[in-house]
Every structure is written in C-alpha cells, then in structure tokens.
Amino acid sequence: MFGFSFTKILVLVAVLAAVWYGFKLVGRLDKQRKEESRLPRAAQPPKSAGAAAREPVKAEANSEDMEPCRVCGAYVARHGAANCGRAECPY
C-alpha cells in the first residue's frame, strides 16, 4: 500500500526541485523590485520597448475656463464661444 517505487521517488524529487527553484526565482524578482524602488527616478535604467508598449498612453488634458452666459445662464467657454442664437447673446 505505501510501497516506494523508483517512479514515485523521482516524481517527488522533481516536485521538490520545482518548488525550490520557484521560491528562488520569486526571491530574486522581489529583491530586484526592491532595489529598483530604492533608486531615484532619474537613475533607473530605461525600460525595454516591450515594457513601453504595455504602458497606457497618458492623454494630455485640454481644459478651458468656463463662465456663465449673462443672458441664459448656461456655461460657455471663455475663449472661442459661439453665438447661441438669442438676440441678446453677447458672443
């Protein structure tokens, strides 16, 4: 029932080796991540092209100041506002 065969021992050694090397790999990756976080931003090495392709592109925000219309009270852009069609519209 609990007999040990060569195949069972070989599988056990393979599983133990996989777990051992897995922990070593995780430890190395964690150490590398911690070292990179300690470096100042300018001293960090440039990222590879593959890493740059995975980063989301940050769009620049184009914002304008808004002000309420004196006639209807709707908010319009301070520069480049168009006439709304009312007779008293200041734009």
PDB file of N, CA and C in Angstrom:
ATOM      1  N   MET A   1       0.809  -1.196   0.000  1.00  0.00           N
ATOM      2  CA  MET A   1       0.000   0.000   0.000  1.00  0.00           C
ATOM      3  C   MET A   1       0.853   1.261   0.000  1.00  0.00           C
ATOM      4  N   PHE A   2       1.819   1.340   0.876  1.00  0.00           N
ATOM      5  CA  PHE A   2       2.692   2.503   0.928  1.00  0.00           C
ATOM      6  C   PHE A   2       4.062   2.186   0.340  1.00  0.00           C
ATOM      7  N   GLY A   3       4.087   1.369  -0.649  1.00  0.00           N
ATOM      8  CA  GLY A   3       5.356   0.970  -1.244  1.00  0.00           C
ATOM      9  C   GLY A   3       6.008   2.125  -1.981  1.00  0.00           C
ATOM     10  N   PHE A   4       7.315   2.196  -1.875  1.00  0.00           N
ATOM     11  CA  PHE A   4       8.073   3.227  -2.575  1.00  0.00           C
ATOM     12  C   PHE A   4       8.663   2.623  -3.837  1.00  0.00           C
ATOM     13  N   SER A   5       8.352   3.242  -4.942  1.00  0.00           N
ATOM     14  CA  SER A   5       8.922   2.783  -6.196  1.00  0.00           C
ATOM     15  C   SER A   5       9.848   3.869  -6.727  1.00  0.00           C
ATOM     16  N   PHE A   6      10.650   3.496  -7.679  1.00  0.00           N
ATOM     17  CA  PHE A   6      11.589   4.444  -8.273  1.00  0.00           C
ATOM     18  C   PHE A   6      10.837   5.618  -8.908  1.00  0.00           C
ATOM     19  N   THR A   7       9.706   5.371  -9.536  1.00  0.00           N
ATOM     20  CA  THR A   7       8.924   6.420 -10.192  1.00  0.00           C
ATOM     21  C   THR A   7       8.364   7.407  -9.172  1.00  0.00           C
ATOM     22  N   LYS A   8       7.879   6.907  -8.043  1.00  0.00           N
ATOM     23  CA  LYS A   8       7.336   7.802  -7.019  1.00  0.00           C
ATOM     24  C   LYS A   8       8.425   8.690  -6.433  1.00  0.00           C
ATOM     25  N   ILE A   9       9.587   8.124  -6.196  1.00  0.00           N
ATOM     26  CA  ILE A   9      10.696   8.910  -5.647  1.00  0.00           C
ATOM     27  C   ILE A   9      11.157   9.935  -6.670  1.00  0.00           C
ATOM     28  N   LEU A  10      11.223   9.579  -7.931  1.00  0.00           N
ATOM     29  CA  LEU A  10      11.627  10.500  -8.991  1.00  0.00           C
ATOM     30  C   LEU A  10      10.637  11.662  -9.115  1.00  0.00           C
ATOM     31  N   VAL A  11       9.353  11.384  -9.056  1.00  0.00           N
ATOM     32  CA  VAL A  11       8.339  12.437  -9.119  1.00  0.00           C
ATOM     33  C   VAL A  11       8.441  13.341  -7.897  1.00  0.00           C
ATOM     34  N   LEU A  12       8.659  12.768  -6.731  1.00  0.00           N
ATOM     35  CA  LEU A  12       8.809  13.559  -5.516  1.00  0.00           C
ATOM     36  C   LEU A  12      10.004  14.501  -5.610  1.00  0.00           C
ATOM     37  N   VAL A  13      11.123  14.009  -6.120  1.00  0.00           N
ATOM     38  CA  VAL A  13      12.320  14.845  -6.287  1.00  0.00           C
ATOM     39  C   VAL A  13      12.043  15.956  -7.295  1.00  0.00           C
ATOM     40  N   ALA A  14      11.343  15.648  -8.373  1.00  0.00           N
ATOM     41  CA  ALA A  14      11.025  16.660  -9.388  1.00  0.00           C
ATOM     42  C   ALA A  14      10.127  17.755  -8.807  1.00  0.00           C
ATOM     43  N   VAL A  15       9.138  17.383  -8.012  1.00  0.00           N
ATOM     44  CA  VAL A  15       8.237  18.365  -7.395  1.00  0.00           C
ATOM     45  C   VAL A  15       9.007  19.236  -6.404  1.00  0.00           C
ATOM     46  N   LEU A  16       9.846  18.620  -5.592  1.00  0.00           N
ATOM     47  CA  LEU A  16      10.642  19.393  -4.633  1.00  0.00           C
ATOM     48  C   LEU A  16      11.593  20.354  -5.343  1.00  0.00           C
ATOM     49  N   ALA A  17      12.212  19.912  -6.433  1.00  0.00           N
ATOM     50  CA  ALA A  17      13.111  20.783  -7.197  1.00  0.00           C
ATOM     51  C   ALA A  17      12.336  21.949  -7.810  1.00  0.00           C
ATOM     52  N   ALA A  18      11.151  21.688  -8.332  1.00  0.00           N
ATOM     53  CA  ALA A  18      10.348  22.761  -8.932  1.00  0.00           C
ATOM     54  C   ALA A  18       9.956  23.791  -7.878  1.00  0.00           C
ATOM     55  N   VAL A  19       9.566  23.334  -6.698  1.00  0.00           N
ATOM     56  CA  VAL A  19       9.197  24.259  -5.627  1.00  0.00           C
ATOM     57  C   VAL A  19      10.414  25.053  -5.172  1.00  0.00           C
ATOM     58  N   TRP A  20      11.551  24.382  -5.030  1.00  0.00           N
ATOM     59  CA  TRP A  20      12.789  25.043  -4.578  1.00  0.00           C
ATOM     60  C   TRP A  20      13.191  26.154  -5.554  1.00  0.00           C
ATOM     61  N   TYR A  21      13.264  25.826  -6.847  1.00  0.00           N
ATOM     62  CA  TYR A  21      13.668  26.822  -7.837  1.00  0.00           C
ATOM     63  C   TYR A  21      12.597  27.891  -8.028  1.00  0.00           C
ATOM     64  N   GLY A  22      11.360  27.551  -7.809  1.00  0.00           N
ATOM     65  CA  GLY A  22      10.301  28.564  -7.868  1.00  0.00           C
ATOM     66  C   GLY A  22      10.467  29.603  -6.780  1.00  0.00           C
ATOM     67  N   PHE A  23      10.760  29.162  -5.557  1.00  0.00           N
ATOM     68  CA  PHE A  23      10.993  30.107  -4.471  1.00  0.00           C
ATOM     69  C   PHE A  23      12.230  30.955  -4.718  1.00  0.00           C
ATOM     70  N   LYS A  24      13.269  30.366  -5.290  1.00  0.00           N
ATOM     71  CA  LYS A  24      14.473  31.138  -5.602  1.00  0.00           C
ATOM     72  C   LYS A  24      14.163  32.235  -6.625  1.00  0.00           C
ATOM     73  N   LEU A  25      13.372  31.892  -7.635  1.00  0.00           N
ATOM     74  CA  LEU A  25      13.012  32.860  -8.671  1.00  0.00           C
ATOM     75  C   LEU A  25      12.180  33.993  -8.088  1.00  0.00           C
ATOM     76  N   VAL A  26      11.206  33.655  -7.260  1.00  0.00           N
ATOM     77  CA  VAL A  26      10.370  34.688  -6.638  1.00  0.00           C
ATOM     78  C   VAL A  26      11.217  35.584  -5.738  1.00  0.00           C
ATOM     79  N   GLY A  27      12.156  35.005  -5.003  1.00  0.00           N
ATOM     80  CA  GLY A  27      13.043  35.796  -4.147  1.00  0.00           C
ATOM     81  C   GLY A  27      13.905  36.751  -4.949  1.00  0.00           C
ATOM     82  N   ARG A  28      14.444  36.286  -6.085  1.00  0.00           N
ATOM     83  CA  ARG A  28      15.256  37.152  -6.934  1.00  0.00           C
ATOM     84  C   ARG A  28      14.435  38.296  -7.526  1.00  0.00           C
ATOM     85  N   LEU A  29      13.236  37.990  -7.991  1.00  0.00           N
ATOM     86  CA  LEU A  29      12.379  39.032  -8.562  1.00  0.00           C
ATOM     87  C   LEU A  29      11.991  40.068  -7.508  1.00  0.00           C
ATOM     88  N   ASP A  30      11.708  39.615  -6.288  1.00  0.00           N
ATOM     89  CA  ASP A  30      11.356  40.529  -5.209  1.00  0.00           C
ATOM     90  C   ASP A  30      12.536  41.421  -4.843  1.00  0.00           C
ATOM     91  N   LYS A  31      13.724  40.835  -4.789  1.00  0.00           N
ATOM     92  CA  LYS A  31      14.925  41.610  -4.471  1.00  0.00           C
ATOM     93  C   LYS A  31      15.179  42.664  -5.548  1.00  0.00           C
ATOM     94  N   GLN A  32      15.021  42.288  -6.814  1.00  0.00           N
ATOM     95  CA  GLN A  32      15.223  43.229  -7.918  1.00  0.00           C
ATOM     96  C   GLN A  32      14.204  44.362  -7.855  1.00  0.00           C
ATOM     97  N   ARG A  33      12.952  44.040  -7.542  1.00  0.00           N
ATOM     98  CA  ARG A  33      11.915  45.066  -7.446  1.00  0.00           C
ATOM     99  C   ARG A  33      12.219  46.041  -6.321  1.00  0.00           C
ATOM    100  N   LYS A  34      12.685  45.531  -5.191  1.00  0.00           N
ATOM    101  CA  LYS A  34      13.008  46.398  -4.057  1.00  0.00           C
ATOM    102  C   LYS A  34      14.194  47.297  -4.362  1.00  0.00           C
ATOM    103  N   GLU A  35      15.198  46.776  -5.078  1.00  0.00           N
ATOM    104  CA  GLU A  35      16.349  47.592  -5.445  1.00  0.00           C
ATOM    105  C   GLU A  35      15.947  48.698  -6.413  1.00  0.00           C
ATOM    106  N   GLU A  36      15.067  48.399  -7.352  1.00  0.00           N
ATOM    107  CA  GLU A  36      14.618  49.413  -8.303  1.00  0.00           C
ATOM    108  C   GLU A  36      13.807  50.496  -7.619  1.00  0.00           C
ATOM    109  N   SER A  37      13.043  50.143  -6.595  1.00  0.00           N
ATOM    110  CA  SER A  37      12.233  51.144  -5.911  1.00  0.00           C
ATOM    111  C   SER A  37      13.101  52.060  -5.053  1.00  0.00           C
ATOM    112  N   ARG A  38      14.283  51.594  -4.652  1.00  0.00           N
ATOM    113  CA  ARG A  38      15.180  52.443  -3.866  1.00  0.00           C
ATOM    114  C   ARG A  38      15.922  53.453  -4.722  1.00  0.00           C
ATOM    115  N   LEU A  39      16.093  53.185  -6.015  1.00  0.00           N
ATOM    116  CA  LEU A  39      16.814  54.097  -6.890  1.00  0.00           C
ATOM    117  C   LEU A  39      15.984  55.351  -7.147  1.00  0.00           C
ATOM    118  N   PRO A  40      16.645  56.510  -7.276  1.00  0.00           N
ATOM    119  CA  PRO A  40      15.901  57.708  -7.694  1.00  0.00           C
ATOM    120  C   PRO A  40      15.364  57.515  -9.110  1.00  0.00           C
ATOM    121  N   ARG A  41      14.350  58.259  -9.453  1.00  0.00           N
ATOM    122  CA  ARG A  41      13.667  58.093 -10.734  1.00  0.00           C
ATOM    123  C   ARG A  41      14.626  58.292 -11.910  1.00  0.00           C
ATOM    124  N   ALA A  42      15.539  59.267 -11.842  1.00  0.00           N
ATOM    125  CA  ALA A  42      16.444  59.553 -12.955  1.00  0.00           C
ATOM    126  C   ALA A  42      17.502  58.467 -13.106  1.00  0.00           C
ATOM    127  N   ALA A  43      17.855  57.763 -12.031  1.00  0.00           N
ATOM    128  CA  ALA A  43      18.913  56.760 -12.079  1.00  0.00           C
ATOM    129  C   ALA A  43      18.417  55.399 -12.534  1.00  0.00           C
ATOM    130  N   GLN A  44      17.117  55.236 -12.685  1.00  0.00           N
ATOM    131  CA  GLN A  44      16.596  53.945 -13.089  1.00  0.00           C
ATOM    132  C   GLN A  44      16.910  53.698 -14.559  1.00  0.00           C
ATOM    133  N   PRO A  45      17.232  52.471 -14.916  1.00  0.00           N
ATOM    134  CA  PRO A  45      17.541  52.172 -16.311  1.00  0.00           C
ATOM    135  C   PRO A  45      16.298  52.335 -17.180  1.00  0.00           C
ATOM    136  N   PRO A  46      16.499  52.680 -18.467  1.00  0.00           N
ATOM    137  CA  PRO A  46      15.335  52.836 -19.351  1.00  0.00           C
ATOM    138  C   PRO A  46      14.626  51.510 -19.535  1.00  0.00           C
ATOM    139  N   LYS A  47      13.332  51.591 -19.730  1.00  0.00           N
ATOM    140  CA  LYS A  47      12.526  50.392 -19.907  1.00  0.00           C
ATOM    141  C   LYS A  47      12.683  49.880 -21.328  1.00  0.00           C
ATOM    142  N   SER A  48      12.494  48.607 -21.492  1.00  0.00           N
ATOM    143  CA  SER A  48      12.611  47.997 -22.811  1.00  0.00           C
ATOM    144  C   SER A  48      11.426  48.411 -23.680  1.00  0.00           C
ATOM    145  N   ALA A  49      11.543  48.150 -24.966  1.00  0.00           N
ATOM    146  CA  ALA A  49      10.469  48.517 -25.894  1.00  0.00           C
ATOM    147  C   ALA A  49       9.198  47.747 -25.584  1.00  0.00           C
ATOM    148  N   GLY A  50       9.326  46.503 -25.136  1.00  0.00           N
ATOM    149  CA  GLY A  50       8.154  45.703 -24.801  1.00  0.00           C
ATOM    150  C   GLY A  50       7.423  46.268 -23.604  1.00  0.00           C
ATOM    151  N   ALA A  51       8.167  46.764 -22.612  1.00  0.00           N
ATOM    152  CA  ALA A  51       7.538  47.346 -21.426  1.00  0.00           C
ATOM    153  C   ALA A  51       6.863  48.665 -21.776  1.00  0.00           C
ATOM    154  N   ALA A  52       7.470  49.432 -22.676  1.00  0.00           N
ATOM    155  CA  ALA A  52       6.874  50.705 -23.069  1.00  0.00           C
ATOM    156  C   ALA A  52       5.587  50.483 -23.848  1.00  0.00           C
ATOM    157  N   ALA A  53       5.519  49.389 -24.580  1.00  0.00           N
ATOM    158  CA  ALA A  53       4.317  49.117 -25.358  1.00  0.00           C
ATOM    159  C   ALA A  53       3.147  48.732 -24.455  1.00  0.00           C
ATOM    160  N   ARG A  54       3.416  48.189 -23.265  1.00  0.00           N
ATOM    161  CA  ARG A  54       2.347  47.772 -22.375  1.00  0.00           C
ATOM    162  C   ARG A  54       1.817  48.919 -21.519  1.00  0.00           C
ATOM    163  N   GLU A  55       2.579  50.015 -21.397  1.00  0.00           N
ATOM    164  CA  GLU A  55       2.130  51.130 -20.565  1.00  0.00           C
ATOM    165  C   GLU A  55       1.015  51.890 -21.277  1.00  0.00           C
ATOM    166  N   PRO A  56      -0.003  52.297 -20.546  1.00  0.00           N
ATOM    167  CA  PRO A  56      -1.065  53.076 -21.182  1.00  0.00           C
ATOM    168  C   PRO A  56      -0.562  54.466 -21.558  1.00  0.00           C
ATOM    169  N   VAL A  57      -1.061  54.957 -22.655  1.00  0.00           N
ATOM    170  CA  VAL A  57      -0.681  56.286 -23.118  1.00  0.00           C
ATOM    171  C   VAL A  57      -1.483  57.309 -22.334  1.00  0.00           C
ATOM    172  N   LYS A  58      -0.788  58.261 -21.757  1.00  0.00           N
ATOM    173  CA  LYS A  58      -1.457  59.286 -20.970  1.00  0.00           C
ATOM    174  C   LYS A  58      -1.799  60.461 -21.879  1.00  0.00           C
ATOM    175  N   ALA A  59      -3.072  60.748 -21.995  1.00  0.00           N
ATOM    176  CA  ALA A  59      -3.520  61.855 -22.824  1.00  0.00           C
ATOM    177  C   ALA A  59      -3.416  63.155 -22.040  1.00  0.00           C
ATOM    178  N   GLU A  60      -3.008  64.191 -22.728  1.00  0.00           N
ATOM    179  CA  GLU A  60      -2.940  65.495 -22.084  1.00  0.00           C
ATOM    180  C   GLU A  60      -4.351  66.060 -21.978  1.00  0.00           C
ATOM    181  N   ALA A  61      -4.636  66.627 -20.843  1.00  0.00           N
ATOM    182  CA  ALA A  61      -5.960  67.193 -20.627  1.00  0.00           C
ATOM    183  C   ALA A  61      -6.011  68.597 -21.233  1.00  0.00           C
ATOM    184  N   ASN A  62      -6.976  68.813 -22.091  1.00  0.00           N
ATOM    185  CA  ASN A  62      -7.200  70.140 -22.652  1.00  0.00           C
ATOM    186  C   ASN A  62      -8.424  70.715 -21.953  1.00  0.00           C
ATOM    187  N   SER A  63      -8.186  71.615 -21.051  1.00  0.00           N
ATOM    188  CA  SER A  63      -9.303  72.199 -20.310  1.00  0.00           C
ATOM    189  C   SER A  63      -9.406  73.685 -20.622  1.00  0.00           C
ATOM    190  N   GLU A  64     -10.596  74.176 -20.518  1.00  0.00           N
ATOM    191  CA  GLU A  64     -10.857  75.588 -20.748  1.00  0.00           C
ATOM    192  C   GLU A  64     -11.633  76.137 -19.567  1.00  0.00           C
ATOM    193  N   ASP A  65     -11.437  77.419 -19.307  1.00  0.00           N
ATOM    194  CA  ASP A  65     -12.211  78.080 -18.265  1.00  0.00           C
ATOM    195  C   ASP A  65     -13.611  78.358 -18.806  1.00  0.00           C
ATOM    196  N   MET A  66     -14.597  78.124 -17.950  1.00  0.00           N
ATOM    197  CA  MET A  66     -15.984  78.342 -18.336  1.00  0.00           C
ATOM    198  C   MET A  66     -16.550  79.496 -17.524  1.00  0.00           C
ATOM    199  N   GLU A  67     -17.504  80.194 -18.119  1.00  0.00           N
ATOM    200  CA  GLU A  67     -18.190  81.276 -17.406  1.00  0.00           C
ATOM    201  C   GLU A  67     -19.672  81.254 -17.790  1.00  0.00           C
ATOM    202  N   PRO A  68     -20.522  81.660 -16.880  1.00  0.00           N
ATOM    203  CA  PRO A  68     -21.955  81.636 -17.198  1.00  0.00           C
ATOM    204  C   PRO A  68     -22.313  82.764 -18.174  1.00  0.00           C
ATOM    205  N   CYS A  69     -23.219  82.461 -19.093  1.00  0.00           N
ATOM    206  CA  CYS A  69     -23.708  83.462 -20.033  1.00  0.00           C
ATOM    207  C   CYS A  69     -24.575  84.461 -19.256  1.00  0.00           C
ATOM    208  N   ARG A  70     -24.428  85.735 -19.553  1.00  0.00           N
ATOM    209  CA  ARG A  70     -25.199  86.762 -18.839  1.00  0.00           C
ATOM    210  C   ARG A  70     -26.685  86.709 -19.198  1.00  0.00           C
ATOM    211  N   VAL A  71     -27.002  86.142 -20.365  1.00  0.00           N
ATOM    212  CA  VAL A  71     -28.387  86.126 -20.814  1.00  0.00           C
ATOM    213  C   VAL A  71     -29.127  84.869 -20.340  1.00  0.00           C
ATOM    214  N   CYS A  72     -28.600  83.690 -20.695  1.00  0.00           N
ATOM    215  CA  CYS A  72     -29.342  82.461 -20.399  1.00  0.00           C
ATOM    216  C   CYS A  72     -28.795  81.706 -19.191  1.00  0.00           C
ATOM    217  N   GLY A  73     -27.594  82.007 -18.723  1.00  0.00           N
ATOM    218  CA  GLY A  73     -27.031  81.341 -17.556  1.00  0.00           C
ATOM    219  C   GLY A  73     -26.295  80.055 -17.866  1.00  0.00           C
ATOM    220  N   ALA A  74     -26.293  79.607 -19.123  1.00  0.00           N
ATOM    221  CA  ALA A  74     -25.562  78.391 -19.486  1.00  0.00           C
ATOM    222  C   ALA A  74     -24.074  78.679 -19.475  1.00  0.00           C
ATOM    223  N   TYR A  75     -23.286  77.698 -19.073  1.00  0.00           N
ATOM    224  CA  TYR A  75     -21.836  77.885 -19.037  1.00  0.00           C
ATOM    225  C   TYR A  75     -21.259  77.696 -20.427  1.00  0.00           C
ATOM    226  N   VAL A  76     -20.423  78.644 -20.850  1.00  0.00           N
ATOM    227  CA  VAL A  76     -19.773  78.607 -22.161  1.00  0.00           C
ATOM    228  C   VAL A  76     -18.277  78.816 -21.960  1.00  0.00           C
ATOM    229  N   ALA A  77     -17.497  78.417 -22.956  1.00  0.00           N
ATOM    230  CA  ALA A  77     -16.049  78.600 -22.889  1.00  0.00           C
ATOM    231  C   ALA A  77     -15.727  80.089 -22.894  1.00  0.00           C
ATOM    232  N   ARG A  78     -14.716  80.444 -22.113  1.00  0.00           N
ATOM    233  CA  ARG A  78     -14.344  81.846 -22.005  1.00  0.00           C
ATOM    234  C   ARG A  78     -13.792  82.369 -23.327  1.00  0.00           C
ATOM    235  N   HIS A  79     -13.039  81.547 -24.032  1.00  0.00           N
ATOM    236  CA  HIS A  79     -12.460  81.946 -25.322  1.00  0.00           C
ATOM    237  C   HIS A  79     -13.037  81.062 -26.416  1.00  0.00           C
ATOM    238  N   GLY A  80     -13.480  81.659 -27.494  1.00  0.00           N
ATOM    239  CA  GLY A  80     -13.982  80.901 -28.624  1.00  0.00           C
ATOM    240  C   GLY A  80     -15.434  80.471 -28.497  1.00  0.00           C
ATOM    241  N   ALA A  81     -16.220  81.119 -27.662  1.00  0.00           N
ATOM    242  CA  ALA A  81     -17.631  80.770 -27.524  1.00  0.00           C
ATOM    243  C   ALA A  81     -18.390  81.255 -28.751  1.00  0.00           C
ATOM    244  N   ALA A  82     -19.412  80.492 -29.175  1.00  0.00           N
ATOM    245  CA  ALA A  82     -20.199  80.847 -30.349  1.00  0.00           C
ATOM    246  C   ALA A  82     -21.558  81.391 -29.910  1.00  0.00           C
ATOM    247  N   ASN A  83     -22.166  82.126 -30.778  1.00  0.00           N
ATOM    248  CA  ASN A  83     -23.482  82.707 -30.529  1.00  0.00           C
ATOM    249  C   ASN A  83     -24.510  81.593 -30.402  1.00  0.00           C
ATOM    250  N   CYS A  84     -25.372  81.679 -29.366  1.00  0.00           N
ATOM    251  CA  CYS A  84     -26.373  80.644 -29.132  1.00  0.00           C
ATOM    252  C   CYS A  84     -27.650  80.882 -29.940  1.00  0.00           C
ATOM    253  N   GLY A  85     -27.811  82.021 -30.574  1.00  0.00           N
ATOM    254  CA  GLY A  85     -28.981  82.300 -31.400  1.00  0.00           C
ATOM    255  C   GLY A  85     -29.954  83.254 -30.747  1.00  0.00           C
ATOM    256  N   ARG A  86     -29.776  83.601 -29.506  1.00  0.00           N
ATOM    257  CA  ARG A  86     -30.664  84.574 -28.844  1.00  0.00           C
ATOM    258  C   ARG A  86     -30.278  85.981 -29.255  1.00  0.00           C
ATOM    259  N   ALA A  87     -31.222  86.857 -29.219  1.00  0.00           N
ATOM    260  CA  ALA A  87     -30.990  88.239 -29.673  1.00  0.00           C
ATOM    261  C   ALA A  87     -29.993  88.959 -28.769  1.00  0.00           C
ATOM    262  N   GLU A  88     -30.044  88.712 -27.474  1.00  0.00           N
ATOM    263  CA  GLU A  88     -29.171  89.426 -26.550  1.00  0.00           C
ATOM    264  C   GLU A  88     -27.845  88.703 -26.265  1.00  0.00           C
ATOM    265  N   CYS A  89     -27.527  87.628 -27.004  1.00  0.00           N
ATOM    266  CA  CYS A  89     -26.334  86.833 -26.746  1.00  0.00           C
ATOM    267  C   CYS A  89     -25.077  87.685 -26.917  1.00  0.00           C
ATOM    268  N   PRO A  90     -24.215  87.767 -25.920  1.00  0.00           N
ATOM    269  CA  PRO A  90     -23.030  88.587 -26.024  1.00  0.00           C
ATOM    270  C   PRO A  90     -21.910  87.949 -26.861  1.00  0.00           C
ATOM    271  N   TYR A  91     -22.095  86.735 -27.316  1.00  0.00           N
ATOM    272  CA  TYR A  91     -20.996  86.068 -28.041  1.00  0.00           C
ATOM    273  C   TYR A  91     -21.241  86.117 -29.495  1.00  0.00           C
TER     274      TYR A  91
END
